[in-house]
Amino acid sequence: MQRRQLLAGAAALLSVPNLASAEASDVRIARQPSIGHLPLMIMEERELLQKQAAARGLGRIGVDYVTLAGGAAMNDALLSNAIQFAAGGVPPMILLWSKTAGSSLEVKGMAAMNSMPLLMNTNNPAIKSLKDFKRTDKIALPAVKVSVQAVFLQMAAEKELGEDHRNDLDQLTVTLSHPDGMAALFAGQEITAHFTAAPIQELEARRPGIRTILNSFDILGMPSTFNVVWASSKFVNANPKISEAFMAALEEAIGIIQADKKAAAASYLRLAKDPSDAALIEQILNDPQVRFTTTPQAMAKYYEFMYRTRLISRSPKIWTDLFFPFLHAKDGN
């Protein structure tokens, strides 16, 4: 009798869920409505994270995708735990890593999403280089000082005008969303240049009288990651299976894009509610300079510049310091 009671008690204990090891049942992922975030759009449409989580024994988890504008909003939402995965340009991730490294709020990169050039276009035939900008000119970009375009502009100014003139063009910059920047460039009144991203930059280049004067790959001297995904160490450590599932889902989404660019273009137009034509999006996806990949590129170019110019107070020793171990075996730089 006593033995039967002990066995029954043991069975009851085994049937109780291990709450200490339970992972989150709901996850919120933030993205932006640009072509660089296409892998996350594919993940959403095909429920890839739910599929990968189920394959790891997590059952059906709730996944919510939200749209936020800019790196600052992403970082605020991540720190407040309103989202678990943030996505955007490289500088906001590096900035938050620098501020939180070694603390209970530590944030690191999950993965890169792509490598693609950013272009600055002008409507002024007199502007052939940065030396031609005058005080009356205005340069539109997504966010003054902190956006990846703003950092690239400082890099370009340092390269072309000299280190002492790195910030000379900052006074000409104004914050406008990608669509508003394009509209202002086309209007030809106050805005004389627009530093933007695909597909806006390609739409602008189609317009007679609009020319490209800067390419971010030329500024860095190599292809570079445009968009990354980052998360808190607290969440990743507490949810290892969800984090692994996220990485697997992201890789699967990138594989889907690579396998069928035409279908991927249609998905982008549908999910981003972008009025661009399908042929243009497909052309961008087939551009040899555009690659969807989780392998980070040119990270050192970013963080060395940001540290040297005091945009960040601490610098990684190597690119892997910025990312969780998921990527450490990859041939990044």
C-alpha atoms as a PDB file:
ATOM      1  CA  MET A   1       0.000   0.000   0.000  1.00  0.00           C
ATOM      2  CA  GLN A   2       2.714   2.428   1.027  1.00  0.00           C
ATOM      3  CA  ARG A   3       4.698   1.540  -2.109  1.00  0.00           C
ATOM      4  CA  ARG A   4       1.612   2.188  -4.296  1.00  0.00           C
ATOM      5  CA  GLN A   5       1.134   5.604  -2.645  1.00  0.00           C
ATOM      6  CA  LEU A   6       4.771   6.521  -3.273  1.00  0.00           C
ATOM      7  CA  LEU A   7       4.502   5.501  -6.921  1.00  0.00           C
ATOM      8  CA  ALA A   8       1.262   7.465  -7.323  1.00  0.00           C
ATOM      9  CA  GLY A   9       2.888  10.501  -5.751  1.00  0.00           C
ATOM     10  CA  ALA A  10       5.870  10.247  -8.071  1.00  0.00           C
ATOM     11  CA  ALA A  11       3.577   9.963 -11.090  1.00  0.00           C
ATOM     12  CA  ALA A  12       1.657  13.029  -9.960  1.00  0.00           C
ATOM     13  CA  LEU A  13       4.881  15.001  -9.642  1.00  0.00           C
ATOM     14  CA  LEU A  14       5.951  13.954 -13.123  1.00  0.00           C
ATOM     15  CA  SER A  15       2.622  15.116 -14.538  1.00  0.00           C
ATOM     16  CA  VAL A  16       3.027  18.671 -13.184  1.00  0.00           C
ATOM     17  CA  PRO A  17       4.433  21.073 -15.808  1.00  0.00           C
ATOM     18  CA  ASN A  18       7.911  22.392 -15.043  1.00  0.00           C
ATOM     19  CA  LEU A  19       6.990  26.050 -14.725  1.00  0.00           C
ATOM     20  CA  ALA A  20      10.606  27.079 -14.242  1.00  0.00           C
ATOM     21  CA  SER A  21      11.479  25.825 -17.729  1.00  0.00           C
ATOM     22  CA  ALA A  22       8.301  27.032 -19.471  1.00  0.00           C
ATOM     23  CA  GLU A  23       8.923  29.372 -22.375  1.00  0.00           C
ATOM     24  CA  ALA A  24       6.827  32.337 -23.471  1.00  0.00           C
ATOM     25  CA  SER A  25       3.463  31.486 -25.008  1.00  0.00           C
ATOM     26  CA  ASP A  26       3.246  34.752 -26.942  1.00  0.00           C
ATOM     27  CA  VAL A  27       5.883  36.639 -28.914  1.00  0.00           C
ATOM     28  CA  ARG A  28       5.741  40.071 -30.506  1.00  0.00           C
ATOM     29  CA  ILE A  29       8.023  40.962 -33.428  1.00  0.00           C
ATOM     30  CA  ALA A  30       8.449  44.494 -34.764  1.00  0.00           C
ATOM     31  CA  ARG A  31       9.365  45.288 -38.343  1.00  0.00           C
ATOM     32  CA  GLN A  32       9.333  48.239 -40.715  1.00  0.00           C
ATOM     33  CA  PRO A  33       7.465  48.501 -44.045  1.00  0.00           C
ATOM     34  CA  SER A  34      10.522  48.345 -46.304  1.00  0.00           C
ATOM     35  CA  ILE A  35      11.838  45.707 -48.674  1.00  0.00           C
ATOM     36  CA  GLY A  36      14.737  44.936 -46.324  1.00  0.00           C
ATOM     37  CA  HIS A  37      12.198  43.473 -43.885  1.00  0.00           C
ATOM     38  CA  LEU A  38      10.823  41.025 -46.454  1.00  0.00           C
ATOM     39  CA  PRO A  39      12.074  37.948 -44.505  1.00  0.00           C
ATOM     40  CA  LEU A  40       9.901  38.961 -41.536  1.00  0.00           C
ATOM     41  CA  MET A  41       6.937  39.512 -43.851  1.00  0.00           C
ATOM     42  CA  ILE A  42       7.395  36.004 -45.264  1.00  0.00           C
ATOM     43  CA  MET A  43       7.654  34.651 -41.708  1.00  0.00           C
ATOM     44  CA  GLU A  44       4.366  36.351 -40.850  1.00  0.00           C
ATOM     45  CA  GLU A  45       2.454  35.285 -43.949  1.00  0.00           C
ATOM     46  CA  ARG A  46       3.540  31.647 -43.789  1.00  0.00           C
ATOM     47  CA  GLU A  47       3.540  31.366 -39.969  1.00  0.00           C
ATOM     48  CA  LEU A  48       7.088  30.060 -40.048  1.00  0.00           C
ATOM     49  CA  LEU A  49       7.903  30.854 -36.416  1.00  0.00           C
ATOM     50  CA  GLN A  50       4.820  28.968 -35.244  1.00  0.00           C
ATOM     51  CA  LYS A  51       5.882  26.012 -37.406  1.00  0.00           C
ATOM     52  CA  GLN A  52       9.465  25.981 -36.118  1.00  0.00           C
ATOM     53  CA  ALA A  53       8.331  26.400 -32.503  1.00  0.00           C
ATOM     54  CA  ALA A  54       5.957  23.441 -32.828  1.00  0.00           C
ATOM     55  CA  ALA A  55       8.792  21.350 -34.282  1.00  0.00           C
ATOM     56  CA  ARG A  56      10.706  22.007 -31.055  1.00  0.00           C
ATOM     57  CA  GLY A  57       7.886  20.779 -28.858  1.00  0.00           C
ATOM     58  CA  LEU A  58       6.547  24.187 -27.850  1.00  0.00           C
ATOM     59  CA  GLY A  59       3.050  23.622 -29.189  1.00  0.00           C
ATOM     60  CA  ARG A  60       1.105  26.486 -30.735  1.00  0.00           C
ATOM     61  CA  ILE A  61       2.581  29.850 -29.687  1.00  0.00           C
ATOM     62  CA  GLY A  62       0.996  33.219 -30.371  1.00  0.00           C
ATOM     63  CA  VAL A  63       3.028  35.457 -32.696  1.00  0.00           C
ATOM     64  CA  ASP A  64       2.110  39.087 -33.275  1.00  0.00           C
ATOM     65  CA  TYR A  65       3.825  41.260 -35.888  1.00  0.00           C
ATOM     66  CA  VAL A  66       3.739  45.031 -35.406  1.00  0.00           C
ATOM     67  CA  THR A  67       5.079  47.886 -37.515  1.00  0.00           C
ATOM     68  CA  LEU A  68       7.231  50.573 -35.889  1.00  0.00           C
ATOM     69  CA  ALA A  69       8.984  53.521 -37.511  1.00  0.00           C
ATOM     70  CA  GLY A  70      12.699  53.829 -36.850  1.00  0.00           C
ATOM     71  CA  GLY A  71      15.370  52.449 -34.558  1.00  0.00           C
ATOM     72  CA  ALA A  72      14.567  54.692 -31.591  1.00  0.00           C
ATOM     73  CA  ALA A  73      10.990  53.381 -31.418  1.00  0.00           C
ATOM     74  CA  MET A  74      12.301  49.816 -31.747  1.00  0.00           C
ATOM     75  CA  ASN A  75      14.724  50.261 -28.853  1.00  0.00           C
ATOM     76  CA  ASP A  76      12.132  51.863 -26.581  1.00  0.00           C
ATOM     77  CA  ALA A  77       9.678  49.038 -27.264  1.00  0.00           C
ATOM     78  CA  LEU A  78      12.311  46.351 -26.685  1.00  0.00           C
ATOM     79  CA  LEU A  79      13.509  47.811 -23.379  1.00  0.00           C
ATOM     80  CA  SER A  80       9.926  48.045 -22.116  1.00  0.00           C
ATOM     81  CA  ASN A  81       9.281  44.425 -23.210  1.00  0.00           C
ATOM     82  CA  ALA A  82       6.473  45.592 -25.503  1.00  0.00           C
ATOM     83  CA  ILE A  83       8.246  43.562 -28.207  1.00  0.00           C
ATOM     84  CA  GLN A  84      10.666  40.641 -27.986  1.00  0.00           C
ATOM     85  CA  PHE A  85      12.395  41.030 -31.363  1.00  0.00           C
ATOM     86  CA  ALA A  86      13.289  44.387 -32.937  1.00  0.00           C
ATOM     87  CA  ALA A  87      14.385  44.955 -36.532  1.00  0.00           C
ATOM     88  CA  GLY A  88      15.998  47.923 -38.228  1.00  0.00           C
ATOM     89  CA  GLY A  89      19.269  49.489 -39.303  1.00  0.00           C
ATOM     90  CA  VAL A  90      22.632  48.553 -37.815  1.00  0.00           C
ATOM     91  CA  PRO A  91      23.418  51.784 -35.852  1.00  0.00           C
ATOM     92  CA  PRO A  92      20.399  51.584 -33.476  1.00  0.00           C
ATOM     93  CA  MET A  93      21.348  48.011 -32.565  1.00  0.00           C
ATOM     94  CA  ILE A  94      24.994  48.933 -31.944  1.00  0.00           C
ATOM     95  CA  LEU A  95      23.913  51.955 -29.905  1.00  0.00           C
ATOM     96  CA  LEU A  96      21.697  49.850 -27.633  1.00  0.00           C
ATOM     97  CA  TRP A  97      24.370  47.149 -27.322  1.00  0.00           C
ATOM     98  CA  SER A  98      26.860  49.809 -26.192  1.00  0.00           C
ATOM     99  CA  LYS A  99      24.442  51.173 -23.594  1.00  0.00           C
ATOM    100  CA  THR A 100      23.394  47.800 -22.161  1.00  0.00           C
ATOM    101  CA  ALA A 101      26.394  45.443 -22.521  1.00  0.00           C
ATOM    102  CA  GLY A 102      27.068  43.578 -19.270  1.00  0.00           C
ATOM    103  CA  SER A 103      23.894  44.823 -17.572  1.00  0.00           C
ATOM    104  CA  SER A 104      20.602  43.111 -16.765  1.00  0.00           C
ATOM    105  CA  LEU A 105      19.147  44.919 -19.790  1.00  0.00           C
ATOM    106  CA  GLU A 106      21.805  43.577 -22.180  1.00  0.00           C
ATOM    107  CA  VAL A 107      20.783  43.541 -25.840  1.00  0.00           C
ATOM    108  CA  LYS A 108      22.505  41.704 -28.705  1.00  0.00           C
ATOM    109  CA  GLY A 109      21.894  40.961 -32.348  1.00  0.00           C
ATOM    110  CA  MET A 110      20.024  37.832 -33.390  1.00  0.00           C
ATOM    111  CA  ALA A 111      20.964  37.990 -37.075  1.00  0.00           C
ATOM    112  CA  ALA A 112      21.465  40.129 -40.129  1.00  0.00           C
ATOM    113  CA  MET A 113      18.625  40.104 -42.656  1.00  0.00           C
ATOM    114  CA  ASN A 114      20.210  41.483 -45.782  1.00  0.00           C
ATOM    115  CA  SER A 115      23.046  43.261 -47.510  1.00  0.00           C
ATOM    116  CA  MET A 116      21.960  46.043 -49.871  1.00  0.00           C
ATOM    117  CA  PRO A 117      23.143  49.519 -50.876  1.00  0.00           C
ATOM    118  CA  LEU A 118      21.467  52.756 -49.805  1.00  0.00           C
ATOM    119  CA  LEU A 119      21.462  55.604 -52.306  1.00  0.00           C
ATOM    120  CA  MET A 120      21.333  59.391 -52.056  1.00  0.00           C
ATOM    121  CA  ASN A 121      19.588  61.020 -55.009  1.00  0.00           C
ATOM    122  CA  THR A 122      19.471  64.685 -56.015  1.00  0.00           C
ATOM    123  CA  ASN A 123      17.254  66.851 -58.210  1.00  0.00           C
ATOM    124  CA  ASN A 124      19.890  69.587 -58.553  1.00  0.00           C
ATOM    125  CA  PRO A 125      22.012  69.320 -61.728  1.00  0.00           C
ATOM    126  CA  ALA A 126      24.702  71.481 -60.103  1.00  0.00           C
ATOM    127  CA  ILE A 127      25.360  68.892 -57.378  1.00  0.00           C
ATOM    128  CA  LYS A 128      27.916  66.348 -58.540  1.00  0.00           C
ATOM    129  CA  SER A 129      29.531  65.621 -55.151  1.00  0.00           C
ATOM    130  CA  LEU A 130      29.248  66.591 -51.480  1.00  0.00           C
ATOM    131  CA  LYS A 131      31.462  69.616 -52.116  1.00  0.00           C
ATOM    132  CA  ASP A 132      28.695  71.152 -54.220  1.00  0.00           C
ATOM    133  CA  PHE A 133      26.110  71.403 -51.417  1.00  0.00           C
ATOM    134  CA  LYS A 134      25.338  74.941 -50.249  1.00  0.00           C
ATOM    135  CA  ARG A 135      23.742  76.234 -47.047  1.00  0.00           C
ATOM    136  CA  THR A 136      20.430  76.677 -48.846  1.00  0.00           C
ATOM    137  CA  ASP A 137      20.264  72.973 -49.756  1.00  0.00           C
ATOM    138  CA  LYS A 138      18.303  70.441 -47.715  1.00  0.00           C
ATOM    139  CA  ILE A 139      18.930  66.689 -47.474  1.00  0.00           C
ATOM    140  CA  ALA A 140      16.008  64.488 -46.425  1.00  0.00           C
ATOM    141  CA  LEU A 141      16.657  61.247 -44.522  1.00  0.00           C
ATOM    142  CA  PRO A 142      14.651  59.045 -42.118  1.00  0.00           C
ATOM    143  CA  ALA A 143      16.106  60.498 -38.907  1.00  0.00           C
ATOM    144  CA  VAL A 144      18.646  63.263 -38.342  1.00  0.00           C
ATOM    145  CA  LYS A 145      21.896  62.106 -36.669  1.00  0.00           C
ATOM    146  CA  VAL A 146      20.788  58.592 -35.676  1.00  0.00           C
ATOM    147  CA  SER A 147      19.542  56.819 -38.819  1.00  0.00           C
ATOM    148  CA  VAL A 148      21.863  54.599 -40.831  1.00  0.00           C
ATOM    149  CA  GLN A 149      21.604  57.150 -43.651  1.00  0.00           C
ATOM    150  CA  ALA A 150      22.767  59.922 -41.303  1.00  0.00           C
ATOM    151  CA  VAL A 151      25.769  57.830 -40.238  1.00  0.00           C
ATOM    152  CA  PHE A 152      26.625  57.053 -43.868  1.00  0.00           C
ATOM    153  CA  LEU A 153      26.434  60.771 -44.697  1.00  0.00           C
ATOM    154  CA  GLN A 154      28.946  61.547 -41.946  1.00  0.00           C
ATOM    155  CA  MET A 155      31.228  58.781 -43.211  1.00  0.00           C
ATOM    156  CA  ALA A 156      31.004  60.146 -46.759  1.00  0.00           C
ATOM    157  CA  ALA A 157      31.667  63.709 -45.609  1.00  0.00           C
ATOM    158  CA  GLU A 158      34.745  62.600 -43.668  1.00  0.00           C
ATOM    159  CA  LYS A 159      36.001  60.665 -46.687  1.00  0.00           C
ATOM    160  CA  GLU A 160      35.400  63.441 -49.223  1.00  0.00           C
ATOM    161  CA  LEU A 161      35.700  66.662 -47.205  1.00  0.00           C
ATOM    162  CA  GLY A 162      38.104  65.613 -44.439  1.00  0.00           C
ATOM    163  CA  GLU A 163      37.824  64.558 -40.796  1.00  0.00           C
ATOM    164  CA  ASP A 164      37.292  68.106 -39.532  1.00  0.00           C
ATOM    165  CA  HIS A 165      34.278  68.471 -41.845  1.00  0.00           C
ATOM    166  CA  ARG A 166      32.571  65.206 -40.922  1.00  0.00           C
ATOM    167  CA  ASN A 167      29.518  66.965 -39.492  1.00  0.00           C
ATOM    168  CA  ASP A 168      29.314  69.856 -41.952  1.00  0.00           C
ATOM    169  CA  LEU A 169      26.319  68.435 -43.806  1.00  0.00           C
ATOM    170  CA  ASP A 170      24.363  67.560 -40.650  1.00  0.00           C
ATOM    171  CA  GLN A 171      22.956  71.086 -40.559  1.00  0.00           C
ATOM    172  CA  LEU A 172      21.401  70.508 -43.988  1.00  0.00           C
ATOM    173  CA  THR A 173      19.563  67.322 -42.986  1.00  0.00           C
ATOM    174  CA  VAL A 174      15.856  67.114 -42.182  1.00  0.00           C
ATOM    175  CA  THR A 175      13.808  64.169 -40.943  1.00  0.00           C
ATOM    176  CA  LEU A 176      11.234  62.853 -43.416  1.00  0.00           C
ATOM    177  CA  SER A 177       9.768  59.396 -43.935  1.00  0.00           C
ATOM    178  CA  HIS A 178      10.853  57.615 -47.117  1.00  0.00           C
ATOM    179  CA  PRO A 179       7.591  58.415 -49.017  1.00  0.00           C
ATOM    180  CA  ASP A 180       7.513  62.041 -47.803  1.00  0.00           C
ATOM    181  CA  GLY A 181      11.168  62.469 -48.738  1.00  0.00           C
ATOM    182  CA  MET A 182      10.466  61.230 -52.255  1.00  0.00           C
ATOM    183  CA  ALA A 183       7.480  63.555 -52.630  1.00  0.00           C
ATOM    184  CA  ALA A 184       9.583  66.507 -51.440  1.00  0.00           C
ATOM    185  CA  LEU A 185      12.421  65.605 -53.820  1.00  0.00           C
ATOM    186  CA  PHE A 186       9.984  65.445 -56.738  1.00  0.00           C
ATOM    187  CA  ALA A 187       8.434  68.792 -55.732  1.00  0.00           C
ATOM    188  CA  GLY A 188      11.852  70.405 -56.219  1.00  0.00           C
ATOM    189  CA  GLN A 189      11.307  73.216 -53.745  1.00  0.00           C
ATOM    190  CA  GLU A 190      13.119  72.865 -50.392  1.00  0.00           C
ATOM    191  CA  ILE A 191      14.587  69.348 -50.610  1.00  0.00           C
ATOM    192  CA  THR A 192      17.497  69.002 -53.032  1.00  0.00           C
ATOM    193  CA  ALA A 193      18.668  65.512 -52.021  1.00  0.00           C
ATOM    194  CA  HIS A 194      17.192  62.406 -50.427  1.00  0.00           C
ATOM    195  CA  PHE A 195      19.185  59.621 -48.702  1.00  0.00           C
ATOM    196  CA  THR A 196      16.777  56.713 -48.642  1.00  0.00           C
ATOM    197  CA  ALA A 197      16.419  52.961 -49.285  1.00  0.00           C
ATOM    198  CA  ALA A 198      14.814  50.474 -51.668  1.00  0.00           C
ATOM    199  CA  PRO A 199      12.337  50.668 -53.320  1.00  0.00           C
ATOM    200  CA  ILE A 200      12.030  54.445 -52.885  1.00  0.00           C
ATOM    201  CA  GLN A 201      15.548  55.061 -54.214  1.00  0.00           C
ATOM    202  CA  GLU A 202      14.797  53.088 -57.394  1.00  0.00           C
ATOM    203  CA  LEU A 203      11.467  54.869 -57.883  1.00  0.00           C
ATOM    204  CA  GLU A 204      13.277  58.202 -57.618  1.00  0.00           C
ATOM    205  CA  ALA A 205      15.961  57.165 -60.099  1.00  0.00           C
ATOM    206  CA  ARG A 206      13.241  56.506 -62.698  1.00  0.00           C
ATOM    207  CA  ARG A 207      12.224  60.168 -62.608  1.00  0.00           C
ATOM    208  CA  PRO A 208      13.813  62.422 -65.265  1.00  0.00           C
ATOM    209  CA  GLY A 209      16.245  64.868 -63.688  1.00  0.00           C
ATOM    210  CA  ILE A 210      16.974  62.711 -60.613  1.00  0.00           C
ATOM    211  CA  ARG A 211      20.525  61.361 -60.249  1.00  0.00           C
ATOM    212  CA  THR A 212      22.311  59.179 -57.704  1.00  0.00           C
ATOM    213  CA  ILE A 213      25.351  60.807 -56.092  1.00  0.00           C
ATOM    214  CA  LEU A 214      26.086  58.453 -53.173  1.00  0.00           C
ATOM    215  CA  ASN A 215      26.060  54.672 -52.777  1.00  0.00           C
ATOM    216  CA  SER A 216      26.661  53.267 -49.276  1.00  0.00           C
ATOM    217  CA  PHE A 217      28.752  50.383 -50.651  1.00  0.00           C
ATOM    218  CA  ASP A 218      31.117  52.949 -52.190  1.00  0.00           C
ATOM    219  CA  ILE A 219      31.297  54.851 -48.902  1.00  0.00           C
ATOM    220  CA  LEU A 220      32.316  51.722 -46.968  1.00  0.00           C
ATOM    221  CA  GLY A 221      34.342  50.225 -49.783  1.00  0.00           C
ATOM    222  CA  MET A 222      32.492  46.920 -49.460  1.00  0.00           C
ATOM    223  CA  PRO A 223      28.996  45.381 -49.269  1.00  0.00           C
ATOM    224  CA  SER A 224      27.340  45.968 -45.914  1.00  0.00           C
ATOM    225  CA  THR A 225      24.430  44.763 -43.832  1.00  0.00           C
ATOM    226  CA  PHE A 226      21.480  47.138 -43.932  1.00  0.00           C
ATOM    227  CA  ASN A 227      18.972  45.501 -41.573  1.00  0.00           C
ATOM    228  CA  VAL A 228      19.429  43.370 -38.461  1.00  0.00           C
ATOM    229  CA  VAL A 229      17.246  41.772 -35.777  1.00  0.00           C
ATOM    230  CA  TRP A 230      18.080  42.192 -32.090  1.00  0.00           C
ATOM    231  CA  ALA A 231      16.707  41.001 -28.753  1.00  0.00           C
ATOM    232  CA  SER A 232      17.429  41.096 -25.021  1.00  0.00           C
ATOM    233  CA  SER A 233      19.719  38.523 -23.417  1.00  0.00           C
ATOM    234  CA  LYS A 234      17.102  38.081 -20.708  1.00  0.00           C
ATOM    235  CA  PHE A 235      14.512  36.920 -23.244  1.00  0.00           C
ATOM    236  CA  VAL A 236      16.888  34.734 -25.273  1.00  0.00           C
ATOM    237  CA  ASN A 237      18.284  33.016 -22.162  1.00  0.00           C
ATOM    238  CA  ALA A 238      14.789  32.368 -20.790  1.00  0.00           C
ATOM    239  CA  ASN A 239      13.448  31.191 -24.153  1.00  0.00           C
ATOM    240  CA  PRO A 240      16.164  29.160 -25.890  1.00  0.00           C
ATOM    241  CA  LYS A 241      13.788  27.066 -28.001  1.00  0.00           C
ATOM    242  CA  ILE A 242      11.792  30.076 -29.203  1.00  0.00           C
ATOM    243  CA  SER A 243      15.049  31.834 -30.049  1.00  0.00           C
ATOM    244  CA  GLU A 244      16.274  28.797 -31.999  1.00  0.00           C
ATOM    245  CA  ALA A 245      12.893  28.607 -33.729  1.00  0.00           C
ATOM    246  CA  PHE A 246      13.144  32.282 -34.682  1.00  0.00           C
ATOM    247  CA  MET A 247      16.541  31.727 -36.286  1.00  0.00           C
ATOM    248  CA  ALA A 248      15.295  28.667 -38.166  1.00  0.00           C
ATOM    249  CA  ALA A 249      12.214  30.562 -39.363  1.00  0.00           C
ATOM    250  CA  LEU A 250      14.345  33.490 -40.537  1.00  0.00           C
ATOM    251  CA  GLU A 251      16.668  31.181 -42.480  1.00  0.00           C
ATOM    252  CA  GLU A 252      13.642  29.435 -43.985  1.00  0.00           C
ATOM    253  CA  ALA A 253      12.119  32.764 -45.061  1.00  0.00           C
ATOM    254  CA  ILE A 254      15.371  33.806 -46.725  1.00  0.00           C
ATOM    255  CA  GLY A 255      15.462  30.470 -48.550  1.00  0.00           C
ATOM    256  CA  ILE A 256      11.930  31.108 -49.829  1.00  0.00           C
ATOM    257  CA  ILE A 257      12.944  34.542 -51.156  1.00  0.00           C
ATOM    258  CA  GLN A 258      15.994  33.132 -52.902  1.00  0.00           C
ATOM    259  CA  ALA A 259      14.031  30.262 -54.451  1.00  0.00           C
ATOM    260  CA  ASP A 260      11.312  32.385 -56.073  1.00  0.00           C
ATOM    261  CA  LYS A 261      11.973  36.121 -56.465  1.00  0.00           C
ATOM    262  CA  LYS A 262       8.734  36.668 -58.403  1.00  0.00           C
ATOM    263  CA  ALA A 263       6.577  35.216 -55.621  1.00  0.00           C
ATOM    264  CA  ALA A 264       8.637  37.085 -53.010  1.00  0.00           C
ATOM    265  CA  ALA A 265       8.006  40.372 -54.850  1.00  0.00           C
ATOM    266  CA  ALA A 266       4.265  39.689 -54.824  1.00  0.00           C
ATOM    267  CA  SER A 267       4.391  38.935 -51.094  1.00  0.00           C
ATOM    268  CA  TYR A 268       6.197  42.203 -50.413  1.00  0.00           C
ATOM    269  CA  LEU A 269       3.670  44.299 -52.357  1.00  0.00           C
ATOM    270  CA  ARG A 270       0.785  42.594 -50.593  1.00  0.00           C
ATOM    271  CA  LEU A 271       2.155  42.737 -47.044  1.00  0.00           C
ATOM    272  CA  ALA A 272       3.820  46.163 -47.183  1.00  0.00           C
ATOM    273  CA  LYS A 273       0.828  47.635 -49.047  1.00  0.00           C
ATOM    274  CA  ASP A 274       3.391  49.184 -51.395  1.00  0.00           C
ATOM    275  CA  PRO A 275       1.985  50.784 -54.588  1.00  0.00           C
ATOM    276  CA  SER A 276       5.190  50.022 -56.541  1.00  0.00           C
ATOM    277  CA  ASP A 277       4.850  47.773 -59.563  1.00  0.00           C
ATOM    278  CA  ALA A 278       5.832  44.122 -59.277  1.00  0.00           C
ATOM    279  CA  ALA A 279       8.443  44.382 -62.042  1.00  0.00           C
ATOM    280  CA  LEU A 280      10.417  46.992 -60.073  1.00  0.00           C
ATOM    281  CA  ILE A 281      10.399  44.931 -56.870  1.00  0.00           C
ATOM    282  CA  GLU A 282      11.459  41.829 -58.770  1.00  0.00           C
ATOM    283  CA  GLN A 283      14.239  43.861 -60.403  1.00  0.00           C
ATOM    284  CA  ILE A 284      15.481  44.962 -56.969  1.00  0.00           C
ATOM    285  CA  LEU A 285      15.418  41.392 -55.641  1.00  0.00           C
ATOM    286  CA  ASN A 286      17.455  40.247 -58.654  1.00  0.00           C
ATOM    287  CA  ASP A 287      20.019  43.043 -58.311  1.00  0.00           C
ATOM    288  CA  PRO A 288      23.427  41.382 -57.675  1.00  0.00           C
ATOM    289  CA  GLN A 289      24.133  43.978 -54.952  1.00  0.00           C
ATOM    290  CA  VAL A 290      21.026  42.880 -53.018  1.00  0.00           C
ATOM    291  CA  ARG A 291      21.437  39.761 -50.853  1.00  0.00           C
ATOM    292  CA  PHE A 292      19.189  38.357 -48.163  1.00  0.00           C
ATOM    293  CA  THR A 293      21.431  36.639 -45.625  1.00  0.00           C
ATOM    294  CA  THR A 294      21.754  36.215 -41.861  1.00  0.00           C
ATOM    295  CA  THR A 295      25.547  36.669 -42.072  1.00  0.00           C
ATOM    296  CA  PRO A 296      26.600  40.148 -40.868  1.00  0.00           C
ATOM    297  CA  GLN A 297      28.790  42.191 -43.205  1.00  0.00           C
ATOM    298  CA  ALA A 298      30.913  45.292 -42.486  1.00  0.00           C
ATOM    299  CA  MET A 299      29.994  45.425 -38.789  1.00  0.00           C
ATOM    300  CA  ALA A 300      33.486  46.652 -37.933  1.00  0.00           C
ATOM    301  CA  LYS A 301      33.089  49.564 -40.360  1.00  0.00           C
ATOM    302  CA  TYR A 302      30.009  50.649 -38.429  1.00  0.00           C
ATOM    303  CA  TYR A 303      31.175  50.248 -34.842  1.00  0.00           C
ATOM    304  CA  GLU A 304      34.714  51.554 -35.381  1.00  0.00           C
ATOM    305  CA  PHE A 305      33.318  54.765 -36.883  1.00  0.00           C
ATOM    306  CA  MET A 306      30.635  55.107 -34.215  1.00  0.00           C
ATOM    307  CA  TYR A 307      33.191  54.643 -31.419  1.00  0.00           C
ATOM    308  CA  ARG A 308      35.759  56.977 -32.958  1.00  0.00           C
ATOM    309  CA  THR A 309      33.150  59.711 -33.393  1.00  0.00           C
ATOM    310  CA  ARG A 310      31.727  59.109 -29.882  1.00  0.00           C
ATOM    311  CA  LEU A 311      28.318  57.964 -31.039  1.00  0.00           C
ATOM    312  CA  ILE A 312      28.900  54.991 -28.712  1.00  0.00           C
ATOM    313  CA  SER A 313      30.850  54.853 -25.437  1.00  0.00           C
ATOM    314  CA  ARG A 314      32.191  51.308 -25.817  1.00  0.00           C
ATOM    315  CA  SER A 315      33.199  49.270 -28.835  1.00  0.00           C
ATOM    316  CA  PRO A 316      33.139  45.531 -29.547  1.00  0.00           C
ATOM    317  CA  LYS A 317      36.532  43.871 -29.964  1.00  0.00           C
ATOM    318  CA  ILE A 318      35.152  41.701 -32.761  1.00  0.00           C
ATOM    319  CA  TRP A 319      31.834  41.541 -34.617  1.00  0.00           C
ATOM    320  CA  THR A 320      30.738  38.423 -32.708  1.00  0.00           C
ATOM    321  CA  ASP A 321      30.611  40.486 -29.494  1.00  0.00           C
ATOM    322  CA  LEU A 322      27.515  42.151 -30.947  1.00  0.00           C
ATOM    323  CA  PHE A 323      25.604  38.933 -31.612  1.00  0.00           C
ATOM    324  CA  PHE A 324      24.281  35.889 -29.797  1.00  0.00           C
ATOM    325  CA  PRO A 325      26.160  32.608 -30.467  1.00  0.00           C
ATOM    326  CA  PHE A 326      23.701  31.580 -33.219  1.00  0.00           C
ATOM    327  CA  LEU A 327      25.915  33.405 -35.744  1.00  0.00           C
ATOM    328  CA  HIS A 328      29.400  32.919 -34.349  1.00  0.00           C
ATOM    329  CA  ALA A 329      30.317  30.139 -36.789  1.00  0.00           C
ATOM    330  CA  LYS A 330      29.353  32.253 -39.812  1.00  0.00           C
ATOM    331  CA  ASP A 331      31.914  34.045 -41.963  1.00  0.00           C
ATOM    332  CA  GLY A 332      30.887  37.540 -40.879  1.00  0.00           C
ATOM    333  CA  ASN A 333      32.950  40.683 -40.529  1.00  0.00           C
END
